[in-house]
Amino acid sequence: MSAEWKAGICGCCINASTCMDHIFCTPCMVSRHWMAVDDQRDTCSAPICCAAYCFGPFILLLTRRKIVEKYNIDEGCIGSLCKCFCCGGLLMCQHHYELTAQGTWPGGQLCEKQPPM
């Protein structure tokens, strides 16, 4: 049985501090999402951060596909591809919210240092 995303693409307004982290620390937040999918909460990986800096949309796509597969979310590869290249910033907030809702808080870089209650 397929699941849906816990928040829509425009769910970035759910938490302002998370949104700020994604705006100012994009590569590190992509790294935190990647690590959270592998059940490593509140962890940033320097190699993944560097890869996200150099190959942003591609690493974002790989991260999104990992989330889709892990939580059995109903979204095809083409849909993920189009979204990652057209609205990557919004998707990062969606990833963060999904991982947090699934019990694997990715952590924050600047603004959000404690998991939401």
PDB file of N, CA and C in Angstrom:
ATOM      1  N   MET A   1       0.839  -1.174   0.000  1.00  0.00           N
ATOM      2  CA  MET A   1       0.000   0.000   0.000  1.00  0.00           C
ATOM      3  C   MET A   1       0.889   1.245   0.000  1.00  0.00           C
ATOM      4  N   SER A   2       0.569   2.174  -0.879  1.00  0.00           N
ATOM      5  CA  SER A   2       1.353   3.397  -1.007  1.00  0.00           C
ATOM      6  C   SER A   2       0.885   4.470  -0.038  1.00  0.00           C
ATOM      7  N   ALA A   3       1.826   5.274   0.371  1.00  0.00           N
ATOM      8  CA  ALA A   3       1.535   6.372   1.289  1.00  0.00           C
ATOM      9  C   ALA A   3       1.628   7.700   0.539  1.00  0.00           C
ATOM     10  N   GLU A   4       1.178   8.753   1.186  1.00  0.00           N
ATOM     11  CA  GLU A   4       1.273  10.105   0.653  1.00  0.00           C
ATOM     12  C   GLU A   4       2.282  10.878   1.500  1.00  0.00           C
ATOM     13  N   TRP A   5       2.788  11.980   0.974  1.00  0.00           N
ATOM     14  CA  TRP A   5       3.656  12.860   1.736  1.00  0.00           C
ATOM     15  C   TRP A   5       2.864  13.439   2.904  1.00  0.00           C
ATOM     16  N   LYS A   6       3.492  13.616   4.049  1.00  0.00           N
ATOM     17  CA  LYS A   6       2.836  14.177   5.232  1.00  0.00           C
ATOM     18  C   LYS A   6       2.536  15.661   5.068  1.00  0.00           C
ATOM     19  N   ALA A   7       3.290  16.343   4.208  1.00  0.00           N
ATOM     20  CA  ALA A   7       3.074  17.766   3.916  1.00  0.00           C
ATOM     21  C   ALA A   7       3.217  17.962   2.416  1.00  0.00           C
ATOM     22  N   GLY A   8       2.512  18.947   1.900  1.00  0.00           N
ATOM     23  CA  GLY A   8       2.602  19.255   0.478  1.00  0.00           C
ATOM     24  C   GLY A   8       3.903  19.967   0.143  1.00  0.00           C
ATOM     25  N   ILE A   9       4.102  20.208  -1.127  1.00  0.00           N
ATOM     26  CA  ILE A   9       5.320  20.894  -1.575  1.00  0.00           C
ATOM     27  C   ILE A   9       5.416  22.284  -0.963  1.00  0.00           C
ATOM     28  N   CYS A  10       4.302  22.932  -0.768  1.00  0.00           N
ATOM     29  CA  CYS A  10       4.306  24.285  -0.197  1.00  0.00           C
ATOM     30  C   CYS A  10       4.244  24.257   1.325  1.00  0.00           C
ATOM     31  N   GLY A  11       4.614  23.160   1.933  1.00  0.00           N
ATOM     32  CA  GLY A  11       4.605  23.037   3.384  1.00  0.00           C
ATOM     33  C   GLY A  11       5.779  23.712   4.071  1.00  0.00           C
ATOM     34  N   CYS A  12       6.562  24.486   3.316  1.00  0.00           N
ATOM     35  CA  CYS A  12       7.742  25.133   3.905  1.00  0.00           C
ATOM     36  C   CYS A  12       7.358  26.171   4.956  1.00  0.00           C
ATOM     37  N   CYS A  13       6.110  26.585   4.957  1.00  0.00           N
ATOM     38  CA  CYS A  13       5.670  27.590   5.929  1.00  0.00           C
ATOM     39  C   CYS A  13       5.284  26.972   7.270  1.00  0.00           C
ATOM     40  N   ILE A  14       5.370  25.666   7.394  1.00  0.00           N
ATOM     41  CA  ILE A  14       5.000  24.993   8.641  1.00  0.00           C
ATOM     42  C   ILE A  14       5.910  25.425   9.780  1.00  0.00           C
ATOM     43  N   ASN A  15       7.207  25.570   9.490  1.00  0.00           N
ATOM     44  CA  ASN A  15       8.172  25.908  10.524  1.00  0.00           C
ATOM     45  C   ASN A  15       9.191  26.893   9.944  1.00  0.00           C
ATOM     46  N   ALA A  16       9.168  28.131  10.421  1.00  0.00           N
ATOM     47  CA  ALA A  16      10.034  29.177   9.863  1.00  0.00           C
ATOM     48  C   ALA A  16      11.521  28.895  10.091  1.00  0.00           C
ATOM     49  N   SER A  17      11.890  28.345  11.249  1.00  0.00           N
ATOM     50  CA  SER A  17      13.316  28.093  11.503  1.00  0.00           C
ATOM     51  C   SER A  17      13.856  27.007  10.582  1.00  0.00           C
ATOM     52  N   THR A  18      13.061  25.993  10.276  1.00  0.00           N
ATOM     53  CA  THR A  18      13.480  24.971   9.324  1.00  0.00           C
ATOM     54  C   THR A  18      13.674  25.593   7.947  1.00  0.00           C
ATOM     55  N   CYS A  19      12.763  26.450   7.567  1.00  0.00           N
ATOM     56  CA  CYS A  19      12.854  27.138   6.278  1.00  0.00           C
ATOM     57  C   CYS A  19      14.147  27.956   6.201  1.00  0.00           C
ATOM     58  N   MET A  20      14.482  28.656   7.264  1.00  0.00           N
ATOM     59  CA  MET A  20      15.703  29.467   7.288  1.00  0.00           C
ATOM     60  C   MET A  20      16.952  28.592   7.161  1.00  0.00           C
ATOM     61  N   ASP A  21      16.971  27.456   7.852  1.00  0.00           N
ATOM     62  CA  ASP A  21      18.104  26.533   7.732  1.00  0.00           C
ATOM     63  C   ASP A  21      18.287  26.090   6.287  1.00  0.00           C
ATOM     64  N   HIS A  22      17.196  25.804   5.603  1.00  0.00           N
ATOM     65  CA  HIS A  22      17.280  25.331   4.232  1.00  0.00           C
ATOM     66  C   HIS A  22      17.712  26.431   3.271  1.00  0.00           C
ATOM     67  N   ILE A  23      17.355  27.663   3.573  1.00  0.00           N
ATOM     68  CA  ILE A  23      17.758  28.783   2.714  1.00  0.00           C
ATOM     69  C   ILE A  23      19.256  29.069   2.852  1.00  0.00           C
ATOM     70  N   PHE A  24      19.756  29.101   4.088  1.00  0.00           N
ATOM     71  CA  PHE A  24      21.134  29.530   4.322  1.00  0.00           C
ATOM     72  C   PHE A  24      22.156  28.392   4.352  1.00  0.00           C
ATOM     73  N   CYS A  25      21.717  27.161   4.512  1.00  0.00           N
ATOM     74  CA  CYS A  25      22.647  26.013   4.603  1.00  0.00           C
ATOM     75  C   CYS A  25      22.173  24.861   3.732  1.00  0.00           C
ATOM     76  N   THR A  26      21.846  25.153   2.499  1.00  0.00           N
ATOM     77  CA  THR A  26      21.241  24.158   1.616  1.00  0.00           C
ATOM     78  C   THR A  26      22.051  22.859   1.509  1.00  0.00           C
ATOM     79  N   PRO A  27      23.334  22.874   1.147  1.00  0.00           N
ATOM     80  CA  PRO A  27      24.053  21.600   0.995  1.00  0.00           C
ATOM     81  C   PRO A  27      24.112  20.782   2.287  1.00  0.00           C
ATOM     82  N   CYS A  28      24.301  21.448   3.419  1.00  0.00           N
ATOM     83  CA  CYS A  28      24.378  20.722   4.689  1.00  0.00           C
ATOM     84  C   CYS A  28      23.033  20.115   5.066  1.00  0.00           C
ATOM     85  N   MET A  29      21.947  20.801   4.739  1.00  0.00           N
ATOM     86  CA  MET A  29      20.626  20.257   5.043  1.00  0.00           C
ATOM     87  C   MET A  29      20.313  19.059   4.147  1.00  0.00           C
ATOM     88  N   VAL A  30      20.761  19.101   2.883  1.00  0.00           N
ATOM     89  CA  VAL A  30      20.596  17.926   2.014  1.00  0.00           C
ATOM     90  C   VAL A  30      21.357  16.751   2.624  1.00  0.00           C
ATOM     91  N   SER A  31      22.550  17.010   3.128  1.00  0.00           N
ATOM     92  CA  SER A  31      23.344  15.972   3.786  1.00  0.00           C
ATOM     93  C   SER A  31      22.607  15.406   5.002  1.00  0.00           C
ATOM     94  N   ARG A  32      22.008  16.284   5.803  1.00  0.00           N
ATOM     95  CA  ARG A  32      21.266  15.833   6.988  1.00  0.00           C
ATOM     96  C   ARG A  32      20.089  14.947   6.585  1.00  0.00           C
ATOM     97  N   HIS A  33      19.415  15.274   5.488  1.00  0.00           N
ATOM     98  CA  HIS A  33      18.297  14.453   5.024  1.00  0.00           C
ATOM     99  C   HIS A  33      18.801  13.079   4.576  1.00  0.00           C
ATOM    100  N   TRP A  34      19.899  13.087   3.838  1.00  0.00           N
ATOM    101  CA  TRP A  34      20.486  11.829   3.349  1.00  0.00           C
ATOM    102  C   TRP A  34      20.814  10.912   4.540  1.00  0.00           C
ATOM    103  N   MET A  35      21.457  11.491   5.546  1.00  0.00           N
ATOM    104  CA  MET A  35      21.850  10.711   6.716  1.00  0.00           C
ATOM    105  C   MET A  35      20.625  10.234   7.499  1.00  0.00           C
ATOM    106  N   ALA A  36      19.593  11.071   7.590  1.00  0.00           N
ATOM    107  CA  ALA A  36      18.381  10.706   8.335  1.00  0.00           C
ATOM    108  C   ALA A  36      17.659   9.535   7.677  1.00  0.00           C
ATOM    109  N   VAL A  37      17.683   9.472   6.352  1.00  0.00           N
ATOM    110  CA  VAL A  37      17.052   8.339   5.669  1.00  0.00           C
ATOM    111  C   VAL A  37      17.751   7.043   6.072  1.00  0.00           C
ATOM    112  N   ASP A  38      19.040   7.138   6.346  1.00  0.00           N
ATOM    113  CA  ASP A  38      19.808   5.973   6.801  1.00  0.00           C
ATOM    114  C   ASP A  38      19.777   5.830   8.328  1.00  0.00           C
ATOM    115  N   ASP A  39      18.776   6.452   8.963  1.00  0.00           N
ATOM    116  CA  ASP A  39      18.549   6.373  10.416  1.00  0.00           C
ATOM    117  C   ASP A  39      19.674   6.962  11.258  1.00  0.00           C
ATOM    118  N   GLN A  40      20.360   7.944  10.736  1.00  0.00           N
ATOM    119  CA  GLN A  40      21.389   8.665  11.491  1.00  0.00           C
ATOM    120  C   GLN A  40      20.855  10.060  11.779  1.00  0.00           C
ATOM    121  N   ARG A  41      20.197  10.193  12.917  1.00  0.00           N
ATOM    122  CA  ARG A  41      19.539  11.444  13.291  1.00  0.00           C
ATOM    123  C   ARG A  41      20.554  12.541  13.588  1.00  0.00           C
ATOM    124  N   ASP A  42      20.180  13.755  13.212  1.00  0.00           N
ATOM    125  CA  ASP A  42      20.944  14.961  13.540  1.00  0.00           C
ATOM    126  C   ASP A  42      22.434  14.827  13.196  1.00  0.00           C
ATOM    127  N   THR A  43      22.712  14.350  11.979  1.00  0.00           N
ATOM    128  CA  THR A  43      24.084  14.124  11.531  1.00  0.00           C
ATOM    129  C   THR A  43      24.301  14.777  10.168  1.00  0.00           C
ATOM    130  N   CYS A  44      25.412  15.477  10.032  1.00  0.00           N
ATOM    131  CA  CYS A  44      25.792  16.081   8.763  1.00  0.00           C
ATOM    132  C   CYS A  44      27.079  15.414   8.280  1.00  0.00           C
ATOM    133  N   SER A  45      27.094  14.990   7.033  1.00  0.00           N
ATOM    134  CA  SER A  45      28.257  14.329   6.454  1.00  0.00           C
ATOM    135  C   SER A  45      28.973  15.292   5.511  1.00  0.00           C
ATOM    136  N   ALA A  46      30.245  15.568   5.770  1.00  0.00           N
ATOM    137  CA  ALA A  46      31.008  16.496   4.931  1.00  0.00           C
ATOM    138  C   ALA A  46      31.071  16.054   3.466  1.00  0.00           C
ATOM    139  N   PRO A  47      31.317  14.769   3.162  1.00  0.00           N
ATOM    140  CA  PRO A  47      31.359  14.373   1.749  1.00  0.00           C
ATOM    141  C   PRO A  47      30.020  14.576   1.026  1.00  0.00           C
ATOM    142  N   ILE A  48      28.925  14.264   1.699  1.00  0.00           N
ATOM    143  CA  ILE A  48      27.610  14.451   1.067  1.00  0.00           C
ATOM    144  C   ILE A  48      27.305  15.940   0.940  1.00  0.00           C
ATOM    145  N   CYS A  49      27.697  16.713   1.924  1.00  0.00           N
ATOM    146  CA  CYS A  49      27.524  18.169   1.875  1.00  0.00           C
ATOM    147  C   CYS A  49      28.269  18.743   0.671  1.00  0.00           C
ATOM    148  N   CYS A  50      29.494  18.305   0.451  1.00  0.00           N
ATOM    149  CA  CYS A  50      30.285  18.771  -0.697  1.00  0.00           C
ATOM    150  C   CYS A  50      29.663  18.329  -2.018  1.00  0.00           C
ATOM    151  N   ALA A  51      29.181  17.095  -2.049  1.00  0.00           N
ATOM    152  CA  ALA A  51      28.520  16.593  -3.264  1.00  0.00           C
ATOM    153  C   ALA A  51      27.260  17.401  -3.548  1.00  0.00           C
ATOM    154  N   ALA A  52      26.498  17.730  -2.512  1.00  0.00           N
ATOM    155  CA  ALA A  52      25.283  18.527  -2.689  1.00  0.00           C
ATOM    156  C   ALA A  52      25.629  19.936  -3.175  1.00  0.00           C
ATOM    157  N   TYR A  53      26.747  20.462  -2.714  1.00  0.00           N
ATOM    158  CA  TYR A  53      27.189  21.793  -3.162  1.00  0.00           C
ATOM    159  C   TYR A  53      27.529  21.772  -4.653  1.00  0.00           C
ATOM    160  N   CYS A  54      28.195  20.714  -5.098  1.00  0.00           N
ATOM    161  CA  CYS A  54      28.649  20.623  -6.488  1.00  0.00           C
ATOM    162  C   CYS A  54      27.568  20.120  -7.450  1.00  0.00           C
ATOM    163  N   PHE A  55      26.731  19.205  -6.976  1.00  0.00           N
ATOM    164  CA  PHE A  55      25.753  18.542  -7.844  1.00  0.00           C
ATOM    165  C   PHE A  55      24.350  18.614  -7.245  1.00  0.00           C
ATOM    166  N   GLY A  56      23.975  19.768  -6.720  1.00  0.00           N
ATOM    167  CA  GLY A  56      22.750  19.984  -5.968  1.00  0.00           C
ATOM    168  C   GLY A  56      21.508  19.228  -6.403  1.00  0.00           C
ATOM    169  N   PRO A  57      20.959  19.498  -7.588  1.00  0.00           N
ATOM    170  CA  PRO A  57      19.707  18.848  -7.967  1.00  0.00           C
ATOM    171  C   PRO A  57      19.812  17.324  -8.072  1.00  0.00           C
ATOM    172  N   PHE A  58      20.977  16.836  -8.464  1.00  0.00           N
ATOM    173  CA  PHE A  58      21.142  15.388  -8.599  1.00  0.00           C
ATOM    174  C   PHE A  58      21.155  14.700  -7.230  1.00  0.00           C
ATOM    175  N   ILE A  59      21.855  15.295  -6.262  1.00  0.00           N
ATOM    176  CA  ILE A  59      21.887  14.733  -4.915  1.00  0.00           C
ATOM    177  C   ILE A  59      20.508  14.862  -4.271  1.00  0.00           C
ATOM    178  N   LEU A  60      19.832  15.976  -4.533  1.00  0.00           N
ATOM    179  CA  LEU A  60      18.471  16.151  -4.029  1.00  0.00           C
ATOM    180  C   LEU A  60      17.552  15.074  -4.599  1.00  0.00           C
ATOM    181  N   LEU A  61      17.698  14.763  -5.878  1.00  0.00           N
ATOM    182  CA  LEU A  61      16.896  13.713  -6.511  1.00  0.00           C
ATOM    183  C   LEU A  61      17.174  12.359  -5.866  1.00  0.00           C
ATOM    184  N   LEU A  62      18.433  12.030  -5.665  1.00  0.00           N
ATOM    185  CA  LEU A  62      18.772  10.750  -5.029  1.00  0.00           C
ATOM    186  C   LEU A  62      18.206  10.674  -3.611  1.00  0.00           C
ATOM    187  N   THR A  63      18.275  11.777  -2.888  1.00  0.00           N
ATOM    188  CA  THR A  63      17.732  11.817  -1.528  1.00  0.00           C
ATOM    189  C   THR A  63      16.223  11.619  -1.565  1.00  0.00           C
ATOM    190  N   ARG A  64      15.559  12.303  -2.474  1.00  0.00           N
ATOM    191  CA  ARG A  64      14.097  12.175  -2.575  1.00  0.00           C
ATOM    192  C   ARG A  64      13.705  10.743  -2.904  1.00  0.00           C
ATOM    193  N   ARG A  65      14.431  10.121  -3.814  1.00  0.00           N
ATOM    194  CA  ARG A  65      14.101   8.735  -4.180  1.00  0.00           C
ATOM    195  C   ARG A  65      14.319   7.792  -2.998  1.00  0.00           C
ATOM    196  N   LYS A  66      15.337   8.071  -2.179  1.00  0.00           N
ATOM    197  CA  LYS A  66      15.550   7.248  -0.977  1.00  0.00           C
ATOM    198  C   LYS A  66      14.373   7.385  -0.016  1.00  0.00           C
ATOM    199  N   ILE A  67      13.871   8.608   0.139  1.00  0.00           N
ATOM    200  CA  ILE A  67      12.724   8.836   1.026  1.00  0.00           C
ATOM    201  C   ILE A  67      11.481   8.147   0.467  1.00  0.00           C
ATOM    202  N   VAL A  68      11.243   8.298  -0.828  1.00  0.00           N
ATOM    203  CA  VAL A  68      10.081   7.681  -1.474  1.00  0.00           C
ATOM    204  C   VAL A  68      10.115   6.165  -1.296  1.00  0.00           C
ATOM    205  N   GLU A  69      11.268   5.564  -1.509  1.00  0.00           N
ATOM    206  CA  GLU A  69      11.390   4.108  -1.389  1.00  0.00           C
ATOM    207  C   GLU A  69      11.271   3.644   0.061  1.00  0.00           C
ATOM    208  N   LYS A  70      11.909   4.350   0.984  1.00  0.00           N
ATOM    209  CA  LYS A  70      11.889   3.915   2.384  1.00  0.00           C
ATOM    210  C   LYS A  70      10.483   3.965   2.969  1.00  0.00           C
ATOM    211  N   TYR A  71       9.744   5.023   2.660  1.00  0.00           N
ATOM    212  CA  TYR A  71       8.419   5.198   3.262  1.00  0.00           C
ATOM    213  C   TYR A  71       7.291   4.828   2.307  1.00  0.00           C
ATOM    214  N   ASN A  72       7.625   4.200   1.190  1.00  0.00           N
ATOM    215  CA  ASN A  72       6.652   3.704   0.222  1.00  0.00           C
ATOM    216  C   ASN A  72       5.672   4.797  -0.213  1.00  0.00           C
ATOM    217  N   ILE A  73       6.211   5.946  -0.554  1.00  0.00           N
ATOM    218  CA  ILE A  73       5.395   7.081  -0.989  1.00  0.00           C
ATOM    219  C   ILE A  73       5.107   6.944  -2.477  1.00  0.00           C
ATOM    220  N   ASP A  74       3.882   7.232  -2.839  1.00  0.00           N
ATOM    221  CA  ASP A  74       3.435   7.093  -4.220  1.00  0.00           C
ATOM    222  C   ASP A  74       3.919   8.274  -5.063  1.00  0.00           C
ATOM    223  N   GLU A  75       5.091   8.096  -5.687  1.00  0.00           N
ATOM    224  CA  GLU A  75       5.638   9.122  -6.577  1.00  0.00           C
ATOM    225  C   GLU A  75       6.608   8.446  -7.541  1.00  0.00           C
ATOM    226  N   GLY A  76       6.411   8.675  -8.824  1.00  0.00           N
ATOM    227  CA  GLY A  76       7.269   8.082  -9.835  1.00  0.00           C
ATOM    228  C   GLY A  76       8.578   8.833 -10.011  1.00  0.00           C
ATOM    229  N   CYS A  77       9.515   8.195 -10.702  1.00  0.00           N
ATOM    230  CA  CYS A  77      10.840   8.788 -10.932  1.00  0.00           C
ATOM    231  C   CYS A  77      10.759  10.087 -11.734  1.00  0.00           C
ATOM    232  N   ILE A  78       9.902  10.123 -12.746  1.00  0.00           N
ATOM    233  CA  ILE A  78       9.788  11.323 -13.584  1.00  0.00           C
ATOM    234  C   ILE A  78       9.223  12.479 -12.762  1.00  0.00           C
ATOM    235  N   GLY A  79       8.237  12.198 -11.918  1.00  0.00           N
ATOM    236  CA  GLY A  79       7.683  13.231 -11.052  1.00  0.00           C
ATOM    237  C   GLY A  79       8.742  13.793 -10.117  1.00  0.00           C
ATOM    238  N   SER A  80       9.537  12.905  -9.528  1.00  0.00           N
ATOM    239  CA  SER A  80      10.622  13.342  -8.638  1.00  0.00           C
ATOM    240  C   SER A  80      11.637  14.195  -9.394  1.00  0.00           C
ATOM    241  N   LEU A  81      12.000  13.747 -10.581  1.00  0.00           N
ATOM    242  CA  LEU A  81      12.986  14.458 -11.395  1.00  0.00           C
ATOM    243  C   LEU A  81      12.518  15.885 -11.706  1.00  0.00           C
ATOM    244  N   CYS A  82      11.300  16.007 -12.178  1.00  0.00           N
ATOM    245  CA  CYS A  82      10.767  17.328 -12.527  1.00  0.00           C
ATOM    246  C   CYS A  82      10.713  18.239 -11.300  1.00  0.00           C
ATOM    247  N   LYS A  83      10.270  17.708 -10.182  1.00  0.00           N
ATOM    248  CA  LYS A  83      10.162  18.516  -8.970  1.00  0.00           C
ATOM    249  C   LYS A  83      11.537  18.958  -8.468  1.00  0.00           C
ATOM    250  N   CYS A  84      12.514  18.075  -8.525  1.00  0.00           N
ATOM    251  CA  CYS A  84      13.854  18.411  -8.018  1.00  0.00           C
ATOM    252  C   CYS A  84      14.521  19.507  -8.847  1.00  0.00           C
ATOM    253  N   PHE A  85      14.264  19.535 -10.126  1.00  0.00           N
ATOM    254  CA  PHE A  85      14.895  20.540 -10.967  1.00  0.00           C
ATOM    255  C   PHE A  85      14.088  21.832 -11.061  1.00  0.00           C
ATOM    256  N   CYS A  86      12.823  21.803 -10.637  1.00  0.00           N
ATOM    257  CA  CYS A  86      11.982  23.006 -10.738  1.00  0.00           C
ATOM    258  C   CYS A  86      11.740  23.695  -9.399  1.00  0.00           C
ATOM    259  N   CYS A  87      11.671  22.936  -8.322  1.00  0.00           N
ATOM    260  CA  CYS A  87      11.344  23.560  -7.027  1.00  0.00           C
ATOM    261  C   CYS A  87      12.077  22.861  -5.884  1.00  0.00           C
ATOM    262  N   GLY A  88      13.385  22.760  -6.025  1.00  0.00           N
ATOM    263  CA  GLY A  88      14.217  22.058  -5.051  1.00  0.00           C
ATOM    264  C   GLY A  88      14.122  22.595  -3.636  1.00  0.00           C
ATOM    265  N   GLY A  89      14.104  23.913  -3.475  1.00  0.00           N
ATOM    266  CA  GLY A  89      14.039  24.496  -2.139  1.00  0.00           C
ATOM    267  C   GLY A  89      12.782  24.101  -1.390  1.00  0.00           C
ATOM    268  N   LEU A  90      11.663  24.089  -2.082  1.00  0.00           N
ATOM    269  CA  LEU A  90      10.408  23.685  -1.455  1.00  0.00           C
ATOM    270  C   LEU A  90      10.435  22.204  -1.082  1.00  0.00           C
ATOM    271  N   LEU A  91      11.048  21.399  -1.931  1.00  0.00           N
ATOM    272  CA  LEU A  91      11.114  19.959  -1.659  1.00  0.00           C
ATOM    273  C   LEU A  91      11.949  19.655  -0.423  1.00  0.00           C
ATOM    274  N   MET A  92      12.985  20.452  -0.206  1.00  0.00           N
ATOM    275  CA  MET A  92      13.828  20.195   0.968  1.00  0.00           C
ATOM    276  C   MET A  92      13.031  20.348   2.260  1.00  0.00           C
ATOM    277  N   CYS A  93      12.183  21.342   2.321  1.00  0.00           N
ATOM    278  CA  CYS A  93      11.332  21.502   3.506  1.00  0.00           C
ATOM    279  C   CYS A  93      10.361  20.331   3.615  1.00  0.00           C
ATOM    280  N   GLN A  94       9.859  19.865   2.469  1.00  0.00           N
ATOM    281  CA  GLN A  94       8.965  18.711   2.473  1.00  0.00           C
ATOM    282  C   GLN A  94       9.697  17.471   2.978  1.00  0.00           C
ATOM    283  N   HIS A  95      10.931  17.274   2.554  1.00  0.00           N
ATOM    284  CA  HIS A  95      11.738  16.143   3.028  1.00  0.00           C
ATOM    285  C   HIS A  95      11.928  16.234   4.535  1.00  0.00           C
ATOM    286  N   HIS A  96      12.279  17.429   4.990  1.00  0.00           N
ATOM    287  CA  HIS A  96      12.539  17.619   6.422  1.00  0.00           C
ATOM    288  C   HIS A  96      11.290  17.287   7.247  1.00  0.00           C
ATOM    289  N   TYR A  97      10.156  17.772   6.795  1.00  0.00           N
ATOM    290  CA  TYR A  97       8.909  17.517   7.512  1.00  0.00           C
ATOM    291  C   TYR A  97       8.573  16.029   7.490  1.00  0.00           C
ATOM    292  N   GLU A  98       8.771  15.377   6.353  1.00  0.00           N
ATOM    293  CA  GLU A  98       8.470  13.946   6.235  1.00  0.00           C
ATOM    294  C   GLU A  98       9.351  13.126   7.171  1.00  0.00           C
ATOM    295  N   LEU A  99      10.644  13.397   7.160  1.00  0.00           N
ATOM    296  CA  LEU A  99      11.568  12.647   8.019  1.00  0.00           C
ATOM    297  C   LEU A  99      11.239  12.863   9.492  1.00  0.00           C
ATOM    298  N   THR A 100      10.916  14.102   9.858  1.00  0.00           N
ATOM    299  CA  THR A 100      10.559  14.402  11.241  1.00  0.00           C
ATOM    300  C   THR A 100       9.276  13.675  11.624  1.00  0.00           C
ATOM    301  N   ALA A 101       8.275  13.698  10.745  1.00  0.00           N
ATOM    302  CA  ALA A 101       7.002  13.023  11.012  1.00  0.00           C
ATOM    303  C   ALA A 101       7.180  11.510  11.121  1.00  0.00           C
ATOM    304  N   GLN A 102       8.178  10.962  10.428  1.00  0.00           N
ATOM    305  CA  GLN A 102       8.442   9.519  10.471  1.00  0.00           C
ATOM    306  C   GLN A 102       9.315   9.135  11.667  1.00  0.00           C
ATOM    307  N   GLY A 103       9.712  10.123  12.473  1.00  0.00           N
ATOM    308  CA  GLY A 103      10.480   9.834  13.690  1.00  0.00           C
ATOM    309  C   GLY A 103      11.986   9.900  13.541  1.00  0.00           C
ATOM    310  N   THR A 104      12.464  10.426  12.424  1.00  0.00           N
ATOM    311  CA  THR A 104      13.911  10.564  12.212  1.00  0.00           C
ATOM    312  C   THR A 104      14.225  12.025  11.939  1.00  0.00           C
ATOM    313  N   TRP A 105      14.345  12.814  13.002  1.00  0.00           N
ATOM    314  CA  TRP A 105      14.594  14.245  12.850  1.00  0.00           C
ATOM    315  C   TRP A 105      15.981  14.459  12.248  1.00  0.00           C
ATOM    316  N   PRO A 106      16.069  15.148  11.092  1.00  0.00           N
ATOM    317  CA  PRO A 106      17.370  15.360  10.450  1.00  0.00           C
ATOM    318  C   PRO A 106      18.277  16.340  11.172  1.00  0.00           C
ATOM    319  N   GLY A 107      17.717  17.164  12.028  1.00  0.00           N
ATOM    320  CA  GLY A 107      18.522  18.163  12.720  1.00  0.00           C
ATOM    321  C   GLY A 107      18.512  19.478  11.973  1.00  0.00           C
ATOM    322  N   GLY A 108      19.156  20.470  12.561  1.00  0.00           N
ATOM    323  CA  GLY A 108      19.218  21.794  11.960  1.00  0.00           C
ATOM    324  C   GLY A 108      20.650  22.299  11.964  1.00  0.00           C
ATOM    325  N   GLN A 109      20.926  23.288  11.138  1.00  0.00           N
ATOM    326  CA  GLN A 109      22.270  23.846  11.032  1.00  0.00           C
ATOM    327  C   GLN A 109      22.422  25.124  11.850  1.00  0.00           C
ATOM    328  N   LEU A 110      21.538  26.078  11.650  1.00  0.00           N
ATOM    329  CA  LEU A 110      21.676  27.379  12.286  1.00  0.00           C
ATOM    330  C   LEU A 110      20.543  27.700  13.248  1.00  0.00           C
ATOM    331  N   CYS A 111      19.331  27.585  12.781  1.00  0.00           N
ATOM    332  CA  CYS A 111      18.169  28.079  13.513  1.00  0.00           C
ATOM    333  C   CYS A 111      17.495  27.013  14.371  1.00  0.00           C
ATOM    334  N   GLU A 112      17.370  25.824  13.861  1.00  0.00           N
ATOM    335  CA  GLU A 112      16.614  24.789  14.558  1.00  0.00           C
ATOM    336  C   GLU A 112      17.568  23.774  15.168  1.00  0.00           C
ATOM    337  N   LYS A 113      17.759  23.860  16.471  1.00  0.00           N
ATOM    338  CA  LYS A 113      18.705  22.973  17.144  1.00  0.00           C
ATOM    339  C   LYS A 113      18.034  21.886  17.985  1.00  0.00           C
ATOM    340  N   GLN A 114      16.724  22.003  18.208  1.00  0.00           N
ATOM    341  CA  GLN A 114      15.997  20.997  18.972  1.00  0.00           C
ATOM    342  C   GLN A 114      14.881  20.423  18.108  1.00  0.00           C
ATOM    343  N   PRO A 115      14.615  19.126  18.215  1.00  0.00           N
ATOM    344  CA  PRO A 115      13.512  18.568  17.449  1.00  0.00           C
ATOM    345  C   PRO A 115      12.195  19.167  17.909  1.00  0.00           C
ATOM    346  N   PRO A 116      11.237  19.307  16.971  1.00  0.00           N
ATOM    347  CA  PRO A 116       9.940  19.842  17.363  1.00  0.00           C
ATOM    348  C   PRO A 116       9.235  18.888  18.323  1.00  0.00           C
ATOM    349  N   MET A 117       8.446  19.463  19.175  1.00  0.00           N
ATOM    350  CA  MET A 117       7.714  18.655  20.158  1.00  0.00           C
ATOM    351  C   MET A 117       6.453  18.097  19.566  1.00  0.00           C
TER     352      MET A 117
END
